[in-house]
């Protein structure tokens, strides 16, 4: 049947930094669909980035998800990994 979870890359479109263990939601859903594995501000990209485990159907680049940071939800866009490819 395939994997139940996939590692996905996220770029936060709102303010905040995702940290390990923060919940990941589909927009408008009350229950988390995934969890952040790591996150940090990226000086190279000029944005906050994160990696999370989530369902395969939410791993399509361009999909909008939300990350629970403290008492708010911050919008995040699924992006392909790696986040940055060094120019050759």
C-alpha atoms as a PDB file:
ATOM      1  CA  UNK A   1       0.000   0.000   0.000  1.00  0.00           C
ATOM      2  CA  UNK A   2       3.039   2.299   0.238  1.00  0.00           C
ATOM      3  CA  UNK A   3       4.486   4.365   3.073  1.00  0.00           C
ATOM      4  CA  UNK A   4       2.163   5.994   5.595  1.00  0.00           C
ATOM      5  CA  UNK A   5       4.543   8.936   6.132  1.00  0.00           C
ATOM      6  CA  UNK A   6       6.982  10.869   3.966  1.00  0.00           C
ATOM      7  CA  UNK A   7       9.697  13.356   4.818  1.00  0.00           C
ATOM      8  CA  UNK A   8       8.647  16.711   3.395  1.00  0.00           C
ATOM      9  CA  UNK A   9      10.391  20.074   3.102  1.00  0.00           C
ATOM     10  CA  UNK A  10       8.539  23.191   4.243  1.00  0.00           C
ATOM     11  CA  UNK A  11       9.165  26.916   3.793  1.00  0.00           C
ATOM     12  CA  UNK A  12       7.261  29.024   6.307  1.00  0.00           C
ATOM     13  CA  UNK A  13       5.336  31.858   4.671  1.00  0.00           C
ATOM     14  CA  UNK A  14       4.496  33.456   8.035  1.00  0.00           C
ATOM     15  CA  UNK A  15       6.618  34.566  10.973  1.00  0.00           C
ATOM     16  CA  UNK A  16       8.011  31.937  13.294  1.00  0.00           C
ATOM     17  CA  UNK A  17      10.487  29.086  13.502  1.00  0.00           C
ATOM     18  CA  UNK A  18       9.280  25.499  13.455  1.00  0.00           C
ATOM     19  CA  UNK A  19      10.940  23.265  16.036  1.00  0.00           C
ATOM     20  CA  UNK A  20      11.149  19.513  16.591  1.00  0.00           C
ATOM     21  CA  UNK A  21       7.837  18.061  17.735  1.00  0.00           C
ATOM     22  CA  UNK A  22       5.589  20.911  16.548  1.00  0.00           C
ATOM     23  CA  UNK A  23       2.373  19.622  14.923  1.00  0.00           C
ATOM     24  CA  UNK A  24       1.664  19.948  11.191  1.00  0.00           C
ATOM     25  CA  UNK A  25      -1.917  20.471  10.020  1.00  0.00           C
ATOM     26  CA  UNK A  26      -3.817  20.533   6.777  1.00  0.00           C
ATOM     27  CA  UNK A  27      -5.615  23.882   6.504  1.00  0.00           C
ATOM     28  CA  UNK A  28      -8.922  23.977   8.376  1.00  0.00           C
ATOM     29  CA  UNK A  29      -8.370  20.600  10.098  1.00  0.00           C
ATOM     30  CA  UNK A  30      -8.307  20.291  13.877  1.00  0.00           C
ATOM     31  CA  UNK A  31      -6.177  17.137  14.115  1.00  0.00           C
ATOM     32  CA  UNK A  32      -2.480  17.152  13.145  1.00  0.00           C
ATOM     33  CA  UNK A  33      -1.504  15.178  10.047  1.00  0.00           C
ATOM     34  CA  UNK A  34       2.235  15.220  10.782  1.00  0.00           C
ATOM     35  CA  UNK A  35       5.072  16.401  12.984  1.00  0.00           C
ATOM     36  CA  UNK A  36       8.122  18.639  12.491  1.00  0.00           C
ATOM     37  CA  UNK A  37      11.459  16.819  12.714  1.00  0.00           C
ATOM     38  CA  UNK A  38      13.671  19.937  12.510  1.00  0.00           C
ATOM     39  CA  UNK A  39      13.475  23.608  11.640  1.00  0.00           C
ATOM     40  CA  UNK A  40      15.643  26.712  11.507  1.00  0.00           C
ATOM     41  CA  UNK A  41      15.949  30.134   9.915  1.00  0.00           C
ATOM     42  CA  UNK A  42      17.891  29.889   6.638  1.00  0.00           C
ATOM     43  CA  UNK A  43      20.191  32.865   6.000  1.00  0.00           C
ATOM     44  CA  UNK A  44      20.874  31.585   2.465  1.00  0.00           C
ATOM     45  CA  UNK A  45      17.189  31.429   1.542  1.00  0.00           C
ATOM     46  CA  UNK A  46      16.119  34.349   3.737  1.00  0.00           C
ATOM     47  CA  UNK A  47      13.214  32.318   5.158  1.00  0.00           C
ATOM     48  CA  UNK A  48      12.476  29.822   7.909  1.00  0.00           C
ATOM     49  CA  UNK A  49      12.587  26.211   6.734  1.00  0.00           C
ATOM     50  CA  UNK A  50      11.573  22.905   8.287  1.00  0.00           C
ATOM     51  CA  UNK A  51      11.373  19.196   7.605  1.00  0.00           C
ATOM     52  CA  UNK A  52       8.421  17.143   8.779  1.00  0.00           C
ATOM     53  CA  UNK A  53       6.886  13.717   8.475  1.00  0.00           C
ATOM     54  CA  UNK A  54       3.432  13.804   6.935  1.00  0.00           C
ATOM     55  CA  UNK A  55       1.062  11.773   4.779  1.00  0.00           C
ATOM     56  CA  UNK A  56       2.129  11.108   1.168  1.00  0.00           C
ATOM     57  CA  UNK A  57      -0.832  13.070  -0.224  1.00  0.00           C
ATOM     58  CA  UNK A  58       0.414  16.211   1.594  1.00  0.00           C
ATOM     59  CA  UNK A  59       3.961  15.873   0.212  1.00  0.00           C
ATOM     60  CA  UNK A  60       3.244  17.359  -3.234  1.00  0.00           C
ATOM     61  CA  UNK A  61       5.304  20.567  -3.803  1.00  0.00           C
ATOM     62  CA  UNK A  62       3.072  23.625  -3.629  1.00  0.00           C
ATOM     63  CA  UNK A  63       0.724  22.103  -1.039  1.00  0.00           C
ATOM     64  CA  UNK A  64      -0.098  24.551   1.742  1.00  0.00           C
ATOM     65  CA  UNK A  65       0.055  23.262   5.317  1.00  0.00           C
ATOM     66  CA  UNK A  66       0.087  24.889   8.749  1.00  0.00           C
ATOM     67  CA  UNK A  67       2.525  24.442  11.635  1.00  0.00           C
ATOM     68  CA  UNK A  68       1.364  24.863  15.215  1.00  0.00           C
ATOM     69  CA  UNK A  69       3.782  27.311  16.832  1.00  0.00           C
ATOM     70  CA  UNK A  70       2.806  28.099  20.413  1.00  0.00           C
ATOM     71  CA  UNK A  71      -0.867  29.176  20.283  1.00  0.00           C
ATOM     72  CA  UNK A  72      -1.030  30.024  16.574  1.00  0.00           C
ATOM     73  CA  UNK A  73      -0.799  28.303  13.221  1.00  0.00           C
ATOM     74  CA  UNK A  74       1.779  29.507  10.715  1.00  0.00           C
ATOM     75  CA  UNK A  75       1.332  28.837   6.996  1.00  0.00           C
ATOM     76  CA  UNK A  76       3.981  26.758   5.255  1.00  0.00           C
ATOM     77  CA  UNK A  77       4.449  25.617   1.661  1.00  0.00           C
ATOM     78  CA  UNK A  78       5.710  22.156   0.741  1.00  0.00           C
ATOM     79  CA  UNK A  79       8.898  22.414  -1.342  1.00  0.00           C
ATOM     80  CA  UNK A  80      11.201  19.808  -2.915  1.00  0.00           C
ATOM     81  CA  UNK A  81      14.266  18.658  -0.982  1.00  0.00           C
ATOM     82  CA  UNK A  82      17.070  19.632  -0.841  1.00  0.00           C
ATOM     83  CA  UNK A  83      16.142  23.232  -0.068  1.00  0.00           C
ATOM     84  CA  UNK A  84      19.245  24.586  -1.800  1.00  0.00           C
ATOM     85  CA  UNK A  85      21.422  23.237  -4.583  1.00  0.00           C
ATOM     86  CA  UNK A  86      24.896  24.700  -4.890  1.00  0.00           C
ATOM     87  CA  UNK A  87      25.557  26.181  -8.341  1.00  0.00           C
ATOM     88  CA  UNK A  88      28.033  24.145 -10.361  1.00  0.00           C
END
